[in-house]
Amino acid sequence: MTIDTPSTESSSNQLKRQIHVMLADDSSVIRSALTRIIDSDPDIKIVSSVSNGELAVSSARRHKPNIIILDIEMPVMDGLTALPKIQEVSPESKIIMFSSLTNEGASETLRALTLGAVECIVKPSSARDVGEGSDFQREILNTIKGLVPIEQRKTTEETTQPTKPAPLKNTSFTLHNDSGSYKGKPELIAIGSSTGGPQALFNVLKEFKNFNIPIVITQHMPPTFTKILADHIEQHTGIPTHEGAEGMILENGHIYVAPGSFHMLLVKNKLQTAIHIDDGKPENFCKPAIDPMLRSALNIYGNKTLAVILTGMGNDGLNAAKMLVEKGGRLIAQDEETSVVWGMPGAVAKAGLCSHVLPVQDIGTWVRKAVLGWI
């Protein structure tokens, strides 16, 4: 893949841009498998492969890679100990945690995500799951490429000097004129998040204590992780938080997180609202997905639904957000500067659907004012 060079240069001087990746895992078998997968994409280059956290810190200092895939359980220095040290020596590197699908692995990964890791990938259960054309291959390549815009990739002329992030594009968008939208107290808050979402959620939800309405969340995460996420949200905020389950009745002041690998829908149960767990097809390549959750919420709460779209890849939530705004509900989104990836919030912002586009640290306060009927 090439990029256009300035007109004063000949095409022979065009430079190839690649994503530089470092692997840190104590298993040579795992590192070899990851190397084969990643090397299959010419836009990505493995610059270092190490077996413990201490070597990971040293290698990160030297190579300043765009992406670091970091195991948690390693000898000499584990991934959680290495994480802040890596951030110190290579602050622009984006760190993906490589985790097992266990309660312990999920809990430690959630800790890493609160410390600044941007994404997690679950280790495959067998060698058969990592072959050419596998779901795992597609996931890891799409995640790596989605995290690093082309402007931030290294060129063939770059050395191991730090790669400064490309300046923000200041993408233009138009705010939705919500003069005709419902401005009373909302009856439900619906939140969608993905890459970088856990840290954003903790930041936003800390302002939600004592809300007298339910909050529903779809965070793109695998099974086990969503239960741990719900536990961590409750620990961080003091708000009762649950992984959604079939038939669970929504209670005011409680938070409900969609379970991994299932869509979480809302249905009417006499005079109450209940959760229905749906095992349908993925939407927007996601399961759980934001669109089905928000669509089902609109069927019950209509324009009294307040939706929030946080950091994440892709455009999940966009279609249902259009329906929300058409019904007179309000939508806000995280801004580009504070998003790990401005995919989902960027999609709704550029579609002109948002009443406000705010830094993550301001979203909770804005929602609190809306719940109090002040804005």
Protein backbone atom coordinates (compact mmCIF):
# COMPACT_ATOMS: atom_id res chain seq x y z
CA MET A 1 0.00 0.00 0.00
CA THR A 2 1.38 3.41 -0.92
CA ILE A 3 0.39 6.95 -0.23
CA ASP A 4 0.62 9.99 -2.43
CA THR A 5 3.80 11.99 -2.00
CA PRO A 6 4.05 15.74 -2.57
CA SER A 7 3.95 16.73 -6.22
CA THR A 8 7.59 17.83 -6.07
CA GLU A 9 8.66 14.21 -5.58
CA SER A 10 8.66 11.50 -8.20
CA SER A 11 6.53 8.41 -7.79
CA SER A 12 9.72 6.38 -7.25
CA ASN A 13 10.14 8.17 -3.93
CA GLN A 14 6.74 7.17 -2.63
CA LEU A 15 7.00 5.60 0.79
CA LYS A 16 5.21 2.55 2.07
CA ARG A 17 3.41 3.01 5.36
CA GLN A 18 3.19 0.09 7.73
CA ILE A 19 1.91 -0.58 11.22
CA HIS A 20 4.78 -1.66 13.48
CA VAL A 21 3.76 -4.34 15.98
CA MET A 22 5.52 -5.83 19.00
CA LEU A 23 4.53 -9.21 20.48
CA ALA A 24 5.05 -10.02 24.16
CA ASP A 25 4.06 -13.55 25.21
CA ASP A 26 5.98 -16.22 27.08
CA SER A 27 4.83 -18.94 24.67
CA SER A 28 7.02 -19.28 21.59
CA VAL A 29 4.20 -21.27 19.97
CA ILE A 30 1.77 -18.40 20.46
CA ARG A 31 4.28 -15.85 19.19
CA SER A 32 4.96 -17.97 16.10
CA ALA A 33 1.24 -18.31 15.40
CA LEU A 34 0.69 -14.57 15.80
CA THR A 35 3.66 -13.82 13.58
CA ARG A 36 2.29 -16.04 10.78
CA ILE A 37 -1.09 -14.35 11.01
CA ILE A 38 0.22 -10.80 11.13
CA ASP A 39 2.87 -11.33 8.47
CA SER A 40 0.08 -12.34 6.07
CA ASP A 41 -0.85 -8.65 5.80
CA PRO A 42 1.72 -6.50 3.96
CA ASP A 43 0.52 -3.39 5.78
CA ILE A 44 1.71 -4.74 9.14
CA LYS A 45 5.27 -5.50 10.26
CA ILE A 46 6.46 -7.36 13.36
CA VAL A 47 9.37 -5.34 14.75
CA SER A 48 9.93 -7.30 17.96
CA SER A 49 8.88 -10.56 19.62
CA VAL A 50 9.73 -11.05 23.30
CA SER A 51 8.94 -13.53 26.07
CA ASN A 52 8.47 -11.46 29.24
CA GLY A 53 7.42 -8.06 30.51
CA GLU A 54 10.92 -6.84 31.27
CA LEU A 55 12.01 -7.46 27.68
CA ALA A 56 8.75 -5.86 26.51
CA VAL A 57 9.60 -2.61 28.29
CA SER A 58 13.11 -2.58 26.84
CA SER A 59 11.88 -3.39 23.34
CA ALA A 60 9.11 -0.79 23.50
CA ARG A 61 11.69 1.83 24.48
CA ARG A 62 13.78 0.90 21.46
CA HIS A 63 11.19 0.35 18.73
CA LYS A 64 8.30 2.66 19.73
CA PRO A 65 5.83 0.36 17.92
CA ASN A 66 2.37 1.50 16.89
CA ILE A 67 0.79 -1.57 18.49
CA ILE A 68 1.86 -3.86 21.35
CA ILE A 69 0.11 -7.20 21.88
CA LEU A 70 0.75 -7.93 25.54
CA ASP A 71 0.13 -11.17 27.41
CA ILE A 72 -0.81 -10.94 31.09
CA GLU A 73 0.83 -14.05 32.55
CA MET A 74 4.58 -13.91 31.83
CA PRO A 75 7.73 -14.71 33.83
CA VAL A 76 10.18 -12.12 35.19
CA MET A 77 7.58 -9.35 34.83
CA ASP A 78 3.88 -9.90 34.11
CA GLY A 79 1.83 -7.85 31.69
CA LEU A 80 0.00 -5.79 34.31
CA THR A 81 3.31 -4.73 35.88
CA ALA A 82 4.83 -4.01 32.47
CA LEU A 83 1.87 -1.98 31.19
CA PRO A 84 2.52 1.35 32.97
CA LYS A 85 6.26 1.01 32.36
CA ILE A 86 5.63 0.55 28.63
CA GLN A 87 3.33 3.57 28.60
CA GLU A 88 6.11 5.61 30.18
CA VAL A 89 8.79 4.67 27.62
CA SER A 90 6.50 4.55 24.56
CA PRO A 91 3.40 6.62 25.34
CA GLU A 92 2.05 6.63 21.79
CA SER A 93 1.95 2.83 21.51
CA LYS A 94 -1.53 1.33 21.66
CA ILE A 95 -1.63 -1.77 23.81
CA ILE A 96 -3.87 -4.77 23.11
CA MET A 97 -4.16 -7.28 25.95
CA PHE A 98 -3.98 -10.94 24.93
CA SER A 99 -6.16 -12.78 27.40
CA SER A 100 -7.54 -16.20 28.19
CA LEU A 101 -11.30 -16.64 28.42
CA THR A 102 -11.35 -17.29 32.17
CA ASN A 103 -12.70 -15.33 35.11
CA GLU A 104 -9.16 -14.56 36.26
CA GLY A 105 -7.99 -13.64 32.77
CA ALA A 106 -11.02 -11.41 32.19
CA SER A 107 -10.63 -9.67 35.55
CA GLU A 108 -6.96 -8.92 34.95
CA THR A 109 -7.71 -7.74 31.43
CA LEU A 110 -10.36 -5.34 32.73
CA ARG A 111 -7.77 -3.97 35.15
CA ALA A 112 -5.41 -3.45 32.22
CA LEU A 113 -8.13 -1.64 30.26
CA THR A 114 -8.69 0.73 33.18
CA LEU A 115 -4.93 1.39 33.24
CA GLY A 116 -4.83 2.44 29.59
CA ALA A 117 -4.79 -0.65 27.40
CA VAL A 118 -7.18 0.02 24.51
CA GLU A 119 -8.51 -3.39 23.54
CA CYS A 120 -8.48 -7.07 24.42
CA ILE A 121 -8.29 -10.15 22.21
CA VAL A 122 -9.13 -13.59 23.55
CA LYS A 123 -6.56 -16.32 22.98
CA PRO A 124 -7.79 -19.07 20.65
CA SER A 125 -8.65 -22.36 22.29
CA SER A 126 -6.75 -24.48 19.76
CA ALA A 127 -4.37 -24.25 16.81
CA ARG A 128 -7.30 -25.00 14.47
CA ASP A 129 -8.79 -21.62 15.34
CA VAL A 130 -5.88 -19.55 14.01
CA GLY A 131 -5.54 -20.76 10.44
CA GLU A 132 -5.83 -18.84 7.19
CA GLY A 133 -9.27 -17.25 6.90
CA SER A 134 -10.17 -17.93 10.54
CA ASP A 135 -12.34 -15.58 12.59
CA PHE A 136 -9.34 -15.03 14.86
CA GLN A 137 -7.18 -13.91 11.95
CA ARG A 138 -9.82 -11.47 10.76
CA GLU A 139 -10.34 -10.12 14.28
CA ILE A 140 -6.71 -9.46 15.04
CA LEU A 141 -5.88 -7.92 11.66
CA ASN A 142 -8.99 -5.72 11.67
CA THR A 143 -8.30 -4.62 15.24
CA ILE A 144 -4.69 -3.68 14.50
CA LYS A 145 -5.57 -1.78 11.33
CA GLY A 146 -8.57 -0.08 12.92
CA LEU A 147 -6.45 1.26 15.78
CA VAL A 148 -3.83 2.96 13.63
CA PRO A 149 -4.95 5.50 11.00
CA ILE A 150 -2.75 5.59 7.94
CA GLU A 151 -1.30 8.97 8.93
CA GLN A 152 0.12 7.44 12.12
CA ARG A 153 1.80 4.46 10.45
CA LYS A 154 5.54 4.33 10.00
CA THR A 155 7.18 4.82 6.64
CA THR A 156 9.98 2.78 5.16
CA GLU A 157 12.37 5.63 5.95
CA GLU A 158 11.50 5.87 9.63
CA THR A 159 13.80 4.41 12.24
CA THR A 160 12.98 3.57 15.82
CA GLN A 161 12.41 7.17 16.79
CA PRO A 162 9.11 7.90 18.53
CA THR A 163 6.12 8.16 16.23
CA LYS A 164 4.09 11.18 17.16
CA PRO A 165 0.38 10.84 16.52
CA ALA A 166 -0.92 12.56 13.44
CA PRO A 167 -2.66 15.84 14.20
CA LEU A 168 -6.37 15.53 14.68
CA LYS A 169 -8.32 16.05 11.50
CA ASN A 170 -10.92 18.17 13.28
CA THR A 171 -13.52 16.36 11.23
CA SER A 172 -16.39 18.66 10.40
CA PHE A 173 -19.90 17.77 11.49
CA THR A 174 -23.16 19.54 12.16
CA LEU A 175 -25.02 19.26 15.45
CA HIS A 176 -28.66 18.26 15.33
CA ASN A 177 -31.09 21.07 16.05
CA ASP A 178 -32.93 19.50 18.96
CA SER A 179 -35.36 22.36 19.55
CA GLY A 180 -38.20 19.95 18.83
CA SER A 181 -36.74 17.08 20.85
CA TYR A 182 -38.06 15.86 24.18
CA LYS A 183 -36.39 17.91 26.93
CA GLY A 184 -38.08 16.46 29.99
CA LYS A 185 -36.55 13.88 32.29
CA PRO A 186 -35.56 10.82 30.25
CA GLU A 187 -36.95 7.45 31.31
CA LEU A 188 -33.97 5.42 30.09
CA ILE A 189 -30.30 5.99 29.34
CA ALA A 190 -28.86 3.72 26.62
CA ILE A 191 -25.09 3.64 26.10
CA GLY A 192 -23.04 2.01 23.34
CA SER A 193 -19.26 1.57 23.48
CA SER A 194 -16.49 -0.54 21.99
CA THR A 195 -12.72 -0.05 21.63
CA GLY A 196 -11.51 2.00 24.60
CA GLY A 197 -14.99 1.68 26.09
CA PRO A 198 -14.32 0.38 29.61
CA GLN A 199 -12.18 3.35 30.60
CA ALA A 200 -14.70 5.73 29.01
CA LEU A 201 -17.58 4.01 30.80
CA PHE A 202 -15.91 4.35 34.20
CA ASN A 203 -15.33 8.04 33.49
CA VAL A 204 -18.95 8.68 32.46
CA LEU A 205 -20.81 6.43 34.89
CA LYS A 206 -19.21 7.86 38.02
CA GLU A 207 -21.62 10.81 37.59
CA PHE A 208 -24.71 8.57 37.46
CA LYS A 209 -25.14 7.76 41.14
CA ASN A 210 -28.68 8.19 42.50
CA PHE A 211 -30.25 8.37 39.04
CA ASN A 212 -33.88 7.34 39.39
CA ILE A 213 -33.99 5.70 35.95
CA PRO A 214 -32.40 2.52 34.52
CA ILE A 215 -29.23 2.53 32.42
CA VAL A 216 -28.55 -0.10 29.73
CA ILE A 217 -25.14 -0.64 28.12
CA THR A 218 -23.88 -2.58 25.14
CA GLN A 219 -20.09 -2.83 25.23
CA HIS A 220 -18.55 -4.99 22.52
CA MET A 221 -16.91 -7.75 24.58
CA PRO A 222 -16.75 -11.56 24.65
CA PRO A 223 -18.48 -13.78 27.22
CA THR A 224 -17.07 -13.77 30.77
CA PHE A 225 -15.66 -10.28 30.21
CA THR A 226 -19.09 -8.62 30.37
CA LYS A 227 -19.84 -10.12 33.77
CA ILE A 228 -16.47 -8.89 35.06
CA LEU A 229 -17.14 -5.50 33.46
CA ALA A 230 -20.43 -5.24 35.34
CA ASP A 231 -18.65 -6.10 38.59
CA HIS A 232 -15.95 -3.48 37.93
CA ILE A 233 -18.54 -0.80 37.12
CA GLU A 234 -20.27 -1.45 40.44
CA GLN A 235 -16.93 -1.33 42.29
CA HIS A 236 -15.92 1.94 40.59
CA THR A 237 -19.26 3.73 40.87
CA GLY A 238 -21.15 2.16 43.76
CA ILE A 239 -24.15 1.77 41.43
CA PRO A 240 -25.85 -1.66 41.39
CA THR A 241 -24.74 -3.20 38.09
CA HIS A 242 -25.75 -6.47 36.48
CA GLU A 243 -24.91 -8.54 33.44
CA GLY A 244 -28.25 -8.74 31.65
CA ALA A 245 -30.13 -12.04 31.95
CA GLU A 246 -33.36 -13.40 30.48
CA GLY A 247 -36.42 -12.01 32.26
CA MET A 248 -34.50 -9.59 34.48
CA ILE A 249 -36.73 -6.62 35.38
CA LEU A 250 -35.21 -3.16 34.95
CA GLU A 251 -35.00 -1.21 38.19
CA ASN A 252 -34.46 2.51 38.54
CA GLY A 253 -30.93 3.45 39.54
CA HIS A 254 -29.49 0.16 38.26
CA ILE A 255 -27.12 -0.51 35.34
CA TYR A 256 -27.48 -3.48 32.96
CA VAL A 257 -24.65 -4.68 30.68
CA ALA A 258 -25.38 -6.79 27.59
CA PRO A 259 -23.88 -10.29 27.97
CA GLY A 260 -21.07 -11.27 25.60
CA SER A 261 -22.15 -13.18 22.45
CA PHE A 262 -25.84 -12.20 22.86
CA HIS A 263 -27.95 -9.17 21.98
CA MET A 264 -29.73 -7.57 24.92
CA LEU A 265 -33.26 -6.46 24.06
CA LEU A 266 -35.91 -4.74 26.16
CA VAL A 267 -39.48 -6.03 26.20
CA LYS A 268 -42.65 -5.04 28.01
CA ASN A 269 -43.65 -7.33 30.89
CA LYS A 270 -47.08 -6.11 32.03
CA LEU A 271 -46.31 -2.72 33.60
CA GLN A 272 -42.57 -3.38 33.83
CA THR A 273 -39.69 -3.56 31.39
CA ALA A 274 -37.73 -6.80 31.20
CA ILE A 275 -34.60 -8.01 29.44
CA HIS A 276 -34.78 -10.54 26.63
CA ILE A 277 -31.52 -12.24 25.64
CA ASP A 278 -31.42 -12.78 21.89
CA ASP A 279 -29.15 -15.26 20.10
CA GLY A 280 -29.77 -13.85 16.64
CA LYS A 281 -27.23 -13.04 13.98
CA PRO A 282 -24.54 -10.40 14.58
CA GLU A 283 -25.39 -6.87 13.46
CA ASN A 284 -22.68 -4.59 12.14
CA PHE A 285 -20.36 -7.59 12.70
CA CYS A 286 -21.08 -7.29 16.44
CA LYS A 287 -22.78 -9.50 19.02
CA PRO A 288 -23.84 -7.97 21.32
CA ALA A 289 -24.70 -5.00 19.13
CA ILE A 290 -25.95 -1.54 20.00
CA ASP A 291 -28.55 -1.24 17.23
CA PRO A 292 -30.90 -4.02 18.44
CA MET A 293 -30.69 -2.83 22.05
CA LEU A 294 -31.53 0.75 21.11
CA ARG A 295 -34.29 -0.26 18.69
CA SER A 296 -36.00 -2.29 21.38
CA ALA A 297 -35.66 0.58 23.85
CA LEU A 298 -37.39 2.94 21.42
CA ASN A 299 -40.35 0.58 21.18
CA ILE A 300 -40.95 1.09 24.91
CA TYR A 301 -39.55 4.49 25.85
CA GLY A 302 -39.72 6.34 22.52
CA ASN A 303 -38.42 9.90 22.66
CA LYS A 304 -37.83 9.60 26.41
CA THR A 305 -34.73 7.54 25.61
CA LEU A 306 -31.43 9.39 26.00
CA ALA A 307 -28.61 7.67 24.07
CA VAL A 308 -24.85 8.02 24.41
CA ILE A 309 -22.33 6.69 21.89
CA LEU A 310 -18.77 6.33 23.20
CA THR A 311 -15.44 5.42 21.61
CA GLY A 312 -15.32 2.43 19.27
CA MET A 313 -14.61 1.12 15.79
CA GLY A 314 -17.20 0.84 13.05
CA ASN A 315 -20.67 2.36 13.02
CA ASP A 316 -22.75 0.15 15.31
CA GLY A 317 -25.61 2.21 16.71
CA LEU A 318 -25.95 4.52 13.70
CA ASN A 319 -29.16 3.04 12.26
CA ALA A 320 -31.03 2.98 15.57
CA ALA A 321 -29.72 6.47 16.38
CA LYS A 322 -31.45 7.75 13.24
CA MET A 323 -34.69 6.23 14.49
CA LEU A 324 -34.17 7.81 17.93
CA VAL A 325 -33.70 11.30 16.52
CA GLU A 326 -36.67 10.89 14.16
CA LYS A 327 -38.82 10.08 17.21
CA GLY A 328 -37.60 13.23 19.00
CA GLY A 329 -35.12 11.62 21.37
CA ARG A 330 -31.70 13.03 22.13
CA LEU A 331 -28.28 11.58 21.35
CA ILE A 332 -24.83 12.70 22.47
CA ALA A 333 -21.44 11.31 21.45
CA GLN A 334 -17.83 11.32 22.59
CA ASP A 335 -15.56 13.71 20.71
CA GLU A 336 -12.68 12.73 18.44
CA GLU A 337 -9.89 13.97 20.69
CA THR A 338 -10.80 11.81 23.69
CA SER A 339 -11.87 8.71 21.72
CA VAL A 340 -9.44 5.83 21.25
CA VAL A 341 -11.16 5.28 17.90
CA TRP A 342 -13.65 7.81 16.55
CA GLY A 343 -15.60 5.27 14.56
CA MET A 344 -18.99 4.83 16.22
CA PRO A 345 -19.23 8.32 17.74
CA GLY A 346 -17.84 9.81 14.53
CA ALA A 347 -20.50 8.02 12.46
CA VAL A 348 -23.42 9.52 14.41
CA ALA A 349 -21.73 12.94 14.61
CA LYS A 350 -21.06 13.11 10.88
CA ALA A 351 -24.63 12.01 10.21
CA GLY A 352 -25.82 15.16 12.03
CA LEU A 353 -27.67 13.21 14.72
CA CYS A 354 -26.02 14.51 17.91
CA SER A 355 -27.36 17.23 20.16
CA HIS A 356 -23.83 17.53 21.56
CA VAL A 357 -20.40 16.02 20.88
CA LEU A 358 -18.40 16.21 24.10
CA PRO A 359 -15.07 15.21 25.66
CA VAL A 360 -15.52 12.03 27.68
CA GLN A 361 -14.91 13.87 30.96
CA ASP A 362 -17.90 16.16 30.27
CA ILE A 363 -20.46 13.55 29.20
CA GLY A 364 -21.44 12.36 32.68
CA THR A 365 -22.08 15.89 33.89
CA TRP A 366 -24.19 16.69 30.81
CA VAL A 367 -26.29 13.56 31.29
CA ARG A 368 -26.79 14.37 34.97
CA LYS A 369 -28.11 17.82 34.04
CA ALA A 370 -30.43 16.25 31.46
CA VAL A 371 -31.78 13.79 34.04
CA LEU A 372 -32.43 16.70 36.39
CA GLY A 373 -34.24 18.55 33.59
CA TRP A 374 -31.76 21.42 33.49
CA ILE A 375 -30.86 21.21 29.77
